Amino acid sequence: METILGLVALPFLVGLPLAYTWQQVRLLRRWTGLWRLAAVLPLPGWALWTFTFARDLAADPTSHNLFPFEILIWAGLGSCYLGVVALVRWLARAPP
């Protein structure tokens, strides 16, 4: 049963972070001005997480045993944020 669950979860564990990365890069390349600034906002969070992750692993190698789920959570939150910003941008640009 665990093997089947692992095979079902693997595309999700890989797909969501890849989709988020693709979305982040795409929006940063296409948007300008304040919209680009809004799209950049998740990146300092990723940098802080990376720093914390590296620091914690240096102190205790077992401190982040579930780090794939941390990546999933952050990628999911980042995707939701970018989706809301894209929706607000679309609504702001729509003709009245």
PDB file of N, CA and C in Angstrom:
ATOM      1  N   MET A   1       0.830  -1.202   0.000  1.00  0.00           N
ATOM      2  CA  MET A   1       0.000   0.000   0.000  1.00  0.00           C
ATOM      3  C   MET A   1       0.873   1.263   0.000  1.00  0.00           C
ATOM      4  N   GLU A   2       1.954   1.233   0.788  1.00  0.00           N
ATOM      5  CA  GLU A   2       2.826   2.402   0.844  1.00  0.00           C
ATOM      6  C   GLU A   2       3.482   2.678  -0.501  1.00  0.00           C
ATOM      7  N   THR A   3       3.793   1.608  -1.235  1.00  0.00           N
ATOM      8  CA  THR A   3       4.425   1.769  -2.544  1.00  0.00           C
ATOM      9  C   THR A   3       3.478   2.455  -3.518  1.00  0.00           C
ATOM     10  N   ILE A   4       2.220   2.058  -3.501  1.00  0.00           N
ATOM     11  CA  ILE A   4       1.225   2.673  -4.387  1.00  0.00           C
ATOM     12  C   ILE A   4       1.026   4.137  -4.020  1.00  0.00           C
ATOM     13  N   LEU A   5       0.938   4.407  -2.721  1.00  0.00           N
ATOM     14  CA  LEU A   5       0.780   5.792  -2.269  1.00  0.00           C
ATOM     15  C   LEU A   5       1.981   6.632  -2.675  1.00  0.00           C
ATOM     16  N   GLY A   6       3.184   6.061  -2.559  1.00  0.00           N
ATOM     17  CA  GLY A   6       4.391   6.768  -2.965  1.00  0.00           C
ATOM     18  C   GLY A   6       4.412   7.050  -4.453  1.00  0.00           C
ATOM     19  N   LEU A   7       3.970   6.103  -5.259  1.00  0.00           N
ATOM     20  CA  LEU A   7       3.932   6.308  -6.707  1.00  0.00           C
ATOM     21  C   LEU A   7       2.902   7.357  -7.107  1.00  0.00           C
ATOM     22  N   VAL A   8       1.817   7.439  -6.373  1.00  0.00           N
ATOM     23  CA  VAL A   8       0.792   8.450  -6.656  1.00  0.00           C
ATOM     24  C   VAL A   8       1.267   9.825  -6.206  1.00  0.00           C
ATOM     25  N   ALA A   9       1.975   9.886  -5.082  1.00  0.00           N
ATOM     26  CA  ALA A   9       2.402  11.168  -4.529  1.00  0.00           C
ATOM     27  C   ALA A   9       3.622  11.740  -5.240  1.00  0.00           C
ATOM     28  N   LEU A  10       4.435  10.887  -5.860  1.00  0.00           N
ATOM     29  CA  LEU A  10       5.670  11.357  -6.470  1.00  0.00           C
ATOM     30  C   LEU A  10       5.455  12.438  -7.527  1.00  0.00           C
ATOM     31  N   PRO A  11       4.512  12.281  -8.468  1.00  0.00           N
ATOM     32  CA  PRO A  11       4.309  13.371  -9.434  1.00  0.00           C
ATOM     33  C   PRO A  11       3.879  14.681  -8.765  1.00  0.00           C
ATOM     34  N   PHE A  12       3.117  14.580  -7.689  1.00  0.00           N
ATOM     35  CA  PHE A  12       2.700  15.781  -6.967  1.00  0.00           C
ATOM     36  C   PHE A  12       3.877  16.425  -6.260  1.00  0.00           C
ATOM     37  N   LEU A  13       4.733  15.599  -5.650  1.00  0.00           N
ATOM     38  CA  LEU A  13       5.890  16.123  -4.932  1.00  0.00           C
ATOM     39  C   LEU A  13       6.874  16.811  -5.869  1.00  0.00           C
ATOM     40  N   VAL A  14       6.953  16.356  -7.101  1.00  0.00           N
ATOM     41  CA  VAL A  14       7.854  16.955  -8.077  1.00  0.00           C
ATOM     42  C   VAL A  14       7.130  18.028  -8.889  1.00  0.00           C
ATOM     43  N   GLY A  15       5.884  17.761  -9.243  1.00  0.00           N
ATOM     44  CA  GLY A  15       5.140  18.645 -10.145  1.00  0.00           C
ATOM     45  C   GLY A  15       4.813  20.005  -9.564  1.00  0.00           C
ATOM     46  N   LEU A  16       4.383  20.068  -8.315  1.00  0.00           N
ATOM     47  CA  LEU A  16       3.997  21.355  -7.737  1.00  0.00           C
ATOM     48  C   LEU A  16       5.174  22.319  -7.631  1.00  0.00           C
ATOM     49  N   PRO A  17       6.321  21.899  -7.101  1.00  0.00           N
ATOM     50  CA  PRO A  17       7.454  22.845  -7.083  1.00  0.00           C
ATOM     51  C   PRO A  17       7.903  23.261  -8.483  1.00  0.00           C
ATOM     52  N   LEU A  18       7.881  22.346  -9.445  1.00  0.00           N
ATOM     53  CA  LEU A  18       8.252  22.712 -10.819  1.00  0.00           C
ATOM     54  C   LEU A  18       7.252  23.681 -11.428  1.00  0.00           C
ATOM     55  N   ALA A  19       5.969  23.450 -11.189  1.00  0.00           N
ATOM     56  CA  ALA A  19       4.943  24.359 -11.707  1.00  0.00           C
ATOM     57  C   ALA A  19       5.069  25.736 -11.063  1.00  0.00           C
ATOM     58  N   TYR A  20       5.342  25.776  -9.763  1.00  0.00           N
ATOM     59  CA  TYR A  20       5.526  27.058  -9.095  1.00  0.00           C
ATOM     60  C   TYR A  20       6.730  27.800  -9.670  1.00  0.00           C
ATOM     61  N   THR A  21       7.829  27.090  -9.856  1.00  0.00           N
ATOM     62  CA  THR A  21       9.036  27.724 -10.401  1.00  0.00           C
ATOM     63  C   THR A  21       8.774  28.275 -11.790  1.00  0.00           C
ATOM     64  N   TRP A  22       8.090  27.501 -12.623  1.00  0.00           N
ATOM     65  CA  TRP A  22       7.744  27.954 -13.971  1.00  0.00           C
ATOM     66  C   TRP A  22       6.871  29.204 -13.903  1.00  0.00           C
ATOM     67  N   GLN A  23       5.878  29.204 -13.018  1.00  0.00           N
ATOM     68  CA  GLN A  23       4.982  30.348 -12.858  1.00  0.00           C
ATOM     69  C   GLN A  23       5.753  31.580 -12.383  1.00  0.00           C
ATOM     70  N   GLN A  24       6.642  31.411 -11.418  1.00  0.00           N
ATOM     71  CA  GLN A  24       7.421  32.532 -10.885  1.00  0.00           C
ATOM     72  C   GLN A  24       8.291  33.151 -11.976  1.00  0.00           C
ATOM     73  N   VAL A  25       9.017  32.330 -12.699  1.00  0.00           N
ATOM     74  CA  VAL A  25       9.901  32.836 -13.756  1.00  0.00           C
ATOM     75  C   VAL A  25       9.095  33.514 -14.857  1.00  0.00           C
ATOM     76  N   ARG A  26       7.990  32.910 -15.250  1.00  0.00           N
ATOM     77  CA  ARG A  26       7.143  33.473 -16.312  1.00  0.00           C
ATOM     78  C   ARG A  26       6.616  34.859 -15.936  1.00  0.00           C
ATOM     79  N   LEU A  27       6.134  35.001 -14.717  1.00  0.00           N
ATOM     80  CA  LEU A  27       5.591  36.294 -14.305  1.00  0.00           C
ATOM     81  C   LEU A  27       6.686  37.346 -14.172  1.00  0.00           C
ATOM     82  N   LEU A  28       7.853  36.948 -13.681  1.00  0.00           N
ATOM     83  CA  LEU A  28       8.949  37.913 -13.566  1.00  0.00           C
ATOM     84  C   LEU A  28       9.425  38.389 -14.932  1.00  0.00           C
ATOM     85  N   ARG A  29       9.348  37.534 -15.935  1.00  0.00           N
ATOM     86  CA  ARG A  29       9.777  37.931 -17.278  1.00  0.00           C
ATOM     87  C   ARG A  29       8.737  38.786 -17.999  1.00  0.00           C
ATOM     88  N   ARG A  30       7.454  38.553 -17.709  1.00  0.00           N
ATOM     89  CA  ARG A  30       6.393  39.233 -18.457  1.00  0.00           C
ATOM     90  C   ARG A  30       5.919  40.532 -17.833  1.00  0.00           C
ATOM     91  N   TRP A  31       5.934  40.615 -16.520  1.00  0.00           N
ATOM     92  CA  TRP A  31       5.373  41.780 -15.852  1.00  0.00           C
ATOM     93  C   TRP A  31       6.429  42.858 -15.668  1.00  0.00           C
ATOM     94  N   THR A  32       5.941  44.114 -15.572  1.00  0.00           N
ATOM     95  CA  THR A  32       6.826  45.251 -15.339  1.00  0.00           C
ATOM     96  C   THR A  32       6.272  46.091 -14.198  1.00  0.00           C
ATOM     97  N   GLY A  33       7.091  46.996 -13.725  1.00  0.00           N
ATOM     98  CA  GLY A  33       6.652  47.961 -12.718  1.00  0.00           C
ATOM     99  C   GLY A  33       6.284  47.328 -11.389  1.00  0.00           C
ATOM    100  N   LEU A  34       5.194  47.834 -10.807  1.00  0.00           N
ATOM    101  CA  LEU A  34       4.758  47.352  -9.493  1.00  0.00           C
ATOM    102  C   LEU A  34       4.298  45.903  -9.534  1.00  0.00           C
ATOM    103  N   TRP A  35       3.813  45.448 -10.694  1.00  0.00           N
ATOM    104  CA  TRP A  35       3.385  44.054 -10.795  1.00  0.00           C
ATOM    105  C   TRP A  35       4.580  43.115 -10.666  1.00  0.00           C
ATOM    106  N   ARG A  36       5.700  43.494 -11.238  1.00  0.00           N
ATOM    107  CA  ARG A  36       6.912  42.678 -11.097  1.00  0.00           C
ATOM    108  C   ARG A  36       7.367  42.684  -9.636  1.00  0.00           C
ATOM    109  N   LEU A  37       7.275  43.841  -8.999  1.00  0.00           N
ATOM    110  CA  LEU A  37       7.627  43.922  -7.579  1.00  0.00           C
ATOM    111  C   LEU A  37       6.735  42.993  -6.753  1.00  0.00           C
ATOM    112  N   ALA A  38       5.456  42.959  -7.075  1.00  0.00           N
ATOM    113  CA  ALA A  38       4.541  42.057  -6.364  1.00  0.00           C
ATOM    114  C   ALA A  38       4.906  40.597  -6.625  1.00  0.00           C
ATOM    115  N   ALA A  39       5.360  40.290  -7.837  1.00  0.00           N
ATOM    116  CA  ALA A  39       5.741  38.915  -8.168  1.00  0.00           C
ATOM    117  C   ALA A  39       7.053  38.511  -7.508  1.00  0.00           C
ATOM    118  N   VAL A  40       7.891  39.474  -7.153  1.00  0.00           N
ATOM    119  CA  VAL A  40       9.178  39.180  -6.515  1.00  0.00           C
ATOM    120  C   VAL A  40       9.011  38.855  -5.036  1.00  0.00           C
ATOM    121  N   LEU A  41       7.928  39.266  -4.419  1.00  0.00           N
ATOM    122  CA  LEU A  41       7.778  39.142  -2.968  1.00  0.00           C
ATOM    123  C   LEU A  41       7.973  37.732  -2.403  1.00  0.00           C
ATOM    124  N   PRO A  42       7.611  36.648  -3.082  1.00  0.00           N
ATOM    125  CA  PRO A  42       7.884  35.329  -2.490  1.00  0.00           C
ATOM    126  C   PRO A  42       9.366  34.962  -2.439  1.00  0.00           C
ATOM    127  N   LEU A  43      10.190  35.578  -3.260  1.00  0.00           N
ATOM    128  CA  LEU A  43      11.599  35.182  -3.337  1.00  0.00           C
ATOM    129  C   LEU A  43      12.387  35.423  -2.049  1.00  0.00           C
ATOM    130  N   PRO A  44      12.196  36.539  -1.326  1.00  0.00           N
ATOM    131  CA  PRO A  44      12.894  36.658  -0.032  1.00  0.00           C
ATOM    132  C   PRO A  44      12.486  35.570   0.958  1.00  0.00           C
ATOM    133  N   GLY A  45      11.246  35.123   0.897  1.00  0.00           N
ATOM    134  CA  GLY A  45      10.808  34.015   1.755  1.00  0.00           C
ATOM    135  C   GLY A  45      11.551  32.734   1.436  1.00  0.00           C
ATOM    136  N   TRP A  46      11.735  32.464   0.142  1.00  0.00           N
ATOM    137  CA  TRP A  46      12.507  31.287  -0.265  1.00  0.00           C
ATOM    138  C   TRP A  46      13.955  31.416   0.190  1.00  0.00           C
ATOM    139  N   ALA A  47      14.530  32.606   0.069  1.00  0.00           N
ATOM    140  CA  ALA A  47      15.913  32.807   0.492  1.00  0.00           C
ATOM    141  C   ALA A  47      16.047  32.588   2.000  1.00  0.00           C
ATOM    142  N   LEU A  48      15.107  33.099   2.763  1.00  0.00           N
ATOM    143  CA  LEU A  48      15.138  32.913   4.214  1.00  0.00           C
ATOM    144  C   LEU A  48      14.987  31.443   4.571  1.00  0.00           C
ATOM    145  N   TRP A  49      14.075  30.740   3.897  1.00  0.00           N
ATOM    146  CA  TRP A  49      13.900  29.311   4.156  1.00  0.00           C
ATOM    147  C   TRP A  49      15.174  28.543   3.828  1.00  0.00           C
ATOM    148  N   THR A  50      15.812  28.868   2.712  1.00  0.00           N
ATOM    149  CA  THR A  50      17.046  28.187   2.318  1.00  0.00           C
ATOM    150  C   THR A  50      18.146  28.409   3.355  1.00  0.00           C
ATOM    151  N   PHE A  51      18.278  29.645   3.813  1.00  0.00           N
ATOM    152  CA  PHE A  51      19.277  29.951   4.838  1.00  0.00           C
ATOM    153  C   PHE A  51      18.987  29.179   6.123  1.00  0.00           C
ATOM    154  N   THR A  52      17.739  29.190   6.565  1.00  0.00           N
ATOM    155  CA  THR A  52      17.347  28.487   7.787  1.00  0.00           C
ATOM    156  C   THR A  52      17.563  26.984   7.637  1.00  0.00           C
ATOM    157  N   PHE A  53      17.206  26.445   6.473  1.00  0.00           N
ATOM    158  CA  PHE A  53      17.379  25.027   6.186  1.00  0.00           C
ATOM    159  C   PHE A  53      18.852  24.630   6.291  1.00  0.00           C
ATOM    160  N   ALA A  54      19.723  25.407   5.650  1.00  0.00           N
ATOM    161  CA  ALA A  54      21.159  25.111   5.667  1.00  0.00           C
ATOM    162  C   ALA A  54      21.728  25.233   7.085  1.00  0.00           C
ATOM    163  N   ARG A  55      21.322  26.267   7.792  1.00  0.00           N
ATOM    164  CA  ARG A  55      21.809  26.471   9.164  1.00  0.00           C
ATOM    165  C   ARG A  55      21.366  25.329  10.082  1.00  0.00           C
ATOM    166  N   ASP A  56      20.097  24.939   9.972  1.00  0.00           N
ATOM    167  CA  ASP A  56      19.581  23.859  10.814  1.00  0.00           C
ATOM    168  C   ASP A  56      20.239  22.523  10.485  1.00  0.00           C
ATOM    169  N   LEU A  57      20.476  22.268   9.201  1.00  0.00           N
ATOM    170  CA  LEU A  57      21.139  21.014   8.825  1.00  0.00           C
ATOM    171  C   LEU A  57      22.579  20.970   9.313  1.00  0.00           C
ATOM    172  N   ALA A  58      23.243  22.116   9.326  1.00  0.00           N
ATOM    173  CA  ALA A  58      24.613  22.155   9.835  1.00  0.00           C
ATOM    174  C   ALA A  58      24.639  21.845  11.334  1.00  0.00           C
ATOM    175  N   ALA A  59      23.637  22.301  12.062  1.00  0.00           N
ATOM    176  CA  ALA A  59      23.583  22.073  13.505  1.00  0.00           C
ATOM    177  C   ALA A  59      23.104  20.659  13.837  1.00  0.00           C
ATOM    178  N   ASP A  60      22.100  20.166  13.089  1.00  0.00           N
ATOM    179  CA  ASP A  60      21.522  18.843  13.349  1.00  0.00           C
ATOM    180  C   ASP A  60      21.022  18.267  12.029  1.00  0.00           C
ATOM    181  N   PRO A  61      21.720  17.283  11.478  1.00  0.00           N
ATOM    182  CA  PRO A  61      21.338  16.742  10.171  1.00  0.00           C
ATOM    183  C   PRO A  61      19.941  16.112  10.120  1.00  0.00           C
ATOM    184  N   THR A  62      19.350  15.822  11.263  1.00  0.00           N
ATOM    185  CA  THR A  62      18.014  15.216  11.264  1.00  0.00           C
ATOM    186  C   THR A  62      16.908  16.240  11.502  1.00  0.00           C
ATOM    187  N   SER A  63      17.222  17.518  11.470  1.00  0.00           N
ATOM    188  CA  SER A  63      16.244  18.537  11.850  1.00  0.00           C
ATOM    189  C   SER A  63      15.168  18.758  10.793  1.00  0.00           C
ATOM    190  N   HIS A  64      15.426  18.431   9.549  1.00  0.00           N
ATOM    191  CA  HIS A  64      14.439  18.662   8.483  1.00  0.00           C
ATOM    192  C   HIS A  64      14.183  17.371   7.715  1.00  0.00           C
ATOM    193  N   ASN A  65      13.775  16.337   8.416  1.00  0.00           N
ATOM    194  CA  ASN A  65      13.524  15.057   7.759  1.00  0.00           C
ATOM    195  C   ASN A  65      12.359  15.126   6.777  1.00  0.00           C
ATOM    196  N   LEU A  66      11.450  16.024   6.989  1.00  0.00           N
ATOM    197  CA  LEU A  66      10.280  16.149   6.119  1.00  0.00           C
ATOM    198  C   LEU A  66      10.394  17.369   5.203  1.00  0.00           C
ATOM    199  N   PHE A  67      11.611  17.708   4.787  1.00  0.00           N
ATOM    200  CA  PHE A  67      11.793  18.915   3.983  1.00  0.00           C
ATOM    201  C   PHE A  67      11.044  18.878   2.653  1.00  0.00           C
ATOM    202  N   PRO A  68      10.778  17.720   2.029  1.00  0.00           N
ATOM    203  CA  PRO A  68       9.966  17.781   0.800  1.00  0.00           C
ATOM    204  C   PRO A  68       8.577  18.367   1.049  1.00  0.00           C
ATOM    205  N   PHE A  69       8.036  18.102   2.228  1.00  0.00           N
ATOM    206  CA  PHE A  69       6.727  18.664   2.545  1.00  0.00           C
ATOM    207  C   PHE A  69       6.815  20.161   2.836  1.00  0.00           C
ATOM    208  N   GLU A  70       7.937  20.588   3.389  1.00  0.00           N
ATOM    209  CA  GLU A  70       8.144  22.027   3.567  1.00  0.00           C
ATOM    210  C   GLU A  70       8.170  22.717   2.201  1.00  0.00           C
ATOM    211  N   ILE A  71       8.848  22.110   1.252  1.00  0.00           N
ATOM    212  CA  ILE A  71       8.895  22.674  -0.102  1.00  0.00           C
ATOM    213  C   ILE A  71       7.501  22.700  -0.708  1.00  0.00           C
ATOM    214  N   LEU A  72       6.739  21.629  -0.512  1.00  0.00           N
ATOM    215  CA  LEU A  72       5.364  21.594  -1.035  1.00  0.00           C
ATOM    216  C   LEU A  72       4.506  22.699  -0.426  1.00  0.00           C
ATOM    217  N   ILE A  73       4.626  22.886   0.860  1.00  0.00           N
ATOM    218  CA  ILE A  73       3.833  23.916   1.531  1.00  0.00           C
ATOM    219  C   ILE A  73       4.196  25.295   0.997  1.00  0.00           C
ATOM    220  N   TRP A  74       5.501  25.600   0.927  1.00  0.00           N
ATOM    221  CA  TRP A  74       5.927  26.914   0.436  1.00  0.00           C
ATOM    222  C   TRP A  74       5.576  27.111  -1.031  1.00  0.00           C
ATOM    223  N   ALA A  75       5.726  26.067  -1.846  1.00  0.00           N
ATOM    224  CA  ALA A  75       5.377  26.179  -3.267  1.00  0.00           C
ATOM    225  C   ALA A  75       3.869  26.375  -3.427  1.00  0.00           C
ATOM    226  N   GLY A  76       3.088  25.689  -2.610  1.00  0.00           N
ATOM    227  CA  GLY A  76       1.629  25.867  -2.662  1.00  0.00           C
ATOM    228  C   GLY A  76       1.210  27.268  -2.247  1.00  0.00           C
ATOM    229  N   LEU A  77       1.795  27.768  -1.169  1.00  0.00           N
ATOM    230  CA  LEU A  77       1.474  29.123  -0.723  1.00  0.00           C
ATOM    231  C   LEU A  77       1.932  30.168  -1.740  1.00  0.00           C
ATOM    232  N   GLY A  78       3.129  29.971  -2.288  1.00  0.00           N
ATOM    233  CA  GLY A  78       3.628  30.903  -3.302  1.00  0.00           C
ATOM    234  C   GLY A  78       2.761  30.899  -4.549  1.00  0.00           C
ATOM    235  N   SER A  79       2.306  29.715  -4.963  1.00  0.00           N
ATOM    236  CA  SER A  79       1.432  29.628  -6.139  1.00  0.00           C
ATOM    237  C   SER A  79       0.099  30.323  -5.888  1.00  0.00           C
ATOM    238  N   CYS A  80      -0.454  30.135  -4.706  1.00  0.00           N
ATOM    239  CA  CYS A  80      -1.713  30.815  -4.372  1.00  0.00           C
ATOM    240  C   CYS A  80      -1.528  32.325  -4.383  1.00  0.00           C
ATOM    241  N   TYR A  81      -0.432  32.790  -3.791  1.00  0.00           N
ATOM    242  CA  TYR A  81      -0.161  34.233  -3.769  1.00  0.00           C
ATOM    243  C   TYR A  81      -0.035  34.776  -5.191  1.00  0.00           C
ATOM    244  N   LEU A  82       0.764  34.112  -6.027  1.00  0.00           N
ATOM    245  CA  LEU A  82       0.948  34.592  -7.399  1.00  0.00           C
ATOM    246  C   LEU A  82      -0.352  34.521  -8.189  1.00  0.00           C
ATOM    247  N   GLY A  83      -1.171  33.525  -7.913  1.00  0.00           N
ATOM    248  CA  GLY A  83      -2.472  33.433  -8.569  1.00  0.00           C
ATOM    249  C   GLY A  83      -3.385  34.584  -8.188  1.00  0.00           C
ATOM    250  N   VAL A  84      -3.386  34.961  -6.913  1.00  0.00           N
ATOM    251  CA  VAL A  84      -4.205  36.095  -6.469  1.00  0.00           C
ATOM    252  C   VAL A  84      -3.702  37.398  -7.093  1.00  0.00           C
ATOM    253  N   VAL A  85      -2.382  37.581  -7.134  1.00  0.00           N
ATOM    254  CA  VAL A  85      -1.823  38.784  -7.756  1.00  0.00           C
ATOM    255  C   VAL A  85      -2.183  38.829  -9.244  1.00  0.00           C
ATOM    256  N   ALA A  86      -2.103  37.682  -9.916  1.00  0.00           N
ATOM    257  CA  ALA A  86      -2.466  37.632 -11.340  1.00  0.00           C
ATOM    258  C   ALA A  86      -3.940  37.957 -11.537  1.00  0.00           C
ATOM    259  N   LEU A  87      -4.800  37.467 -10.643  1.00  0.00           N
ATOM    260  CA  LEU A  87      -6.230  37.772 -10.735  1.00  0.00           C
ATOM    261  C   LEU A  87      -6.478  39.258 -10.511  1.00  0.00           C
ATOM    262  N   VAL A  88      -5.836  39.841  -9.511  1.00  0.00           N
ATOM    263  CA  VAL A  88      -5.994  41.278  -9.249  1.00  0.00           C
ATOM    264  C   VAL A  88      -5.500  42.084 -10.449  1.00  0.00           C
ATOM    265  N   ARG A  89      -4.385  41.689 -11.020  1.00  0.00           N
ATOM    266  CA  ARG A  89      -3.850  42.381 -12.202  1.00  0.00           C
ATOM    267  C   ARG A  89      -4.820  42.276 -13.369  1.00  0.00           C
ATOM    268  N   TRP A  90      -5.373  41.091 -13.567  1.00  0.00           N
ATOM    269  CA  TRP A  90      -6.332  40.890 -14.659  1.00  0.00           C
ATOM    270  C   TRP A  90      -7.584  41.750 -14.429  1.00  0.00           C
ATOM    271  N   LEU A  91      -8.089  41.794 -13.201  1.00  0.00           N
ATOM    272  CA  LEU A  91      -9.271  42.608 -12.908  1.00  0.00           C
ATOM    273  C   LEU A  91      -8.976  44.092 -13.062  1.00  0.00           C
ATOM    274  N   ALA A  92      -7.769  44.524 -12.698  1.00  0.00           N
ATOM    275  CA  ALA A  92      -7.395  45.926 -12.826  1.00  0.00           C
ATOM    276  C   ALA A  92      -7.270  46.354 -14.285  1.00  0.00           C
ATOM    277  N   ARG A  93      -6.890  45.416 -15.152  1.00  0.00           N
ATOM    278  CA  ARG A  93      -6.706  45.739 -16.560  1.00  0.00           C
ATOM    279  C   ARG A  93      -7.977  45.546 -17.386  1.00  0.00           C
ATOM    280  N   ALA A  94      -8.990  44.908 -16.815  1.00  0.00           N
ATOM    281  CA  ALA A  94     -10.224  44.644 -17.552  1.00  0.00           C
ATOM    282  C   ALA A  94     -10.962  45.955 -17.814  1.00  0.00           C
ATOM    283  N   PRO A  95     -11.557  46.082 -18.993  1.00  0.00           N
ATOM    284  CA  PRO A  95     -12.318  47.301 -19.274  1.00  0.00           C
ATOM    285  C   PRO A  95     -13.565  47.371 -18.394  1.00  0.00           C
ATOM    286  N   PRO A  96     -13.956  48.568 -18.028  1.00  0.00           N
ATOM    287  CA  PRO A  96     -15.119  48.723 -17.124  1.00  0.00           C
ATOM    288  C   PRO A  96     -16.425  48.341 -17.781  1.00  0.00           C
TER     289      PRO A  96
END
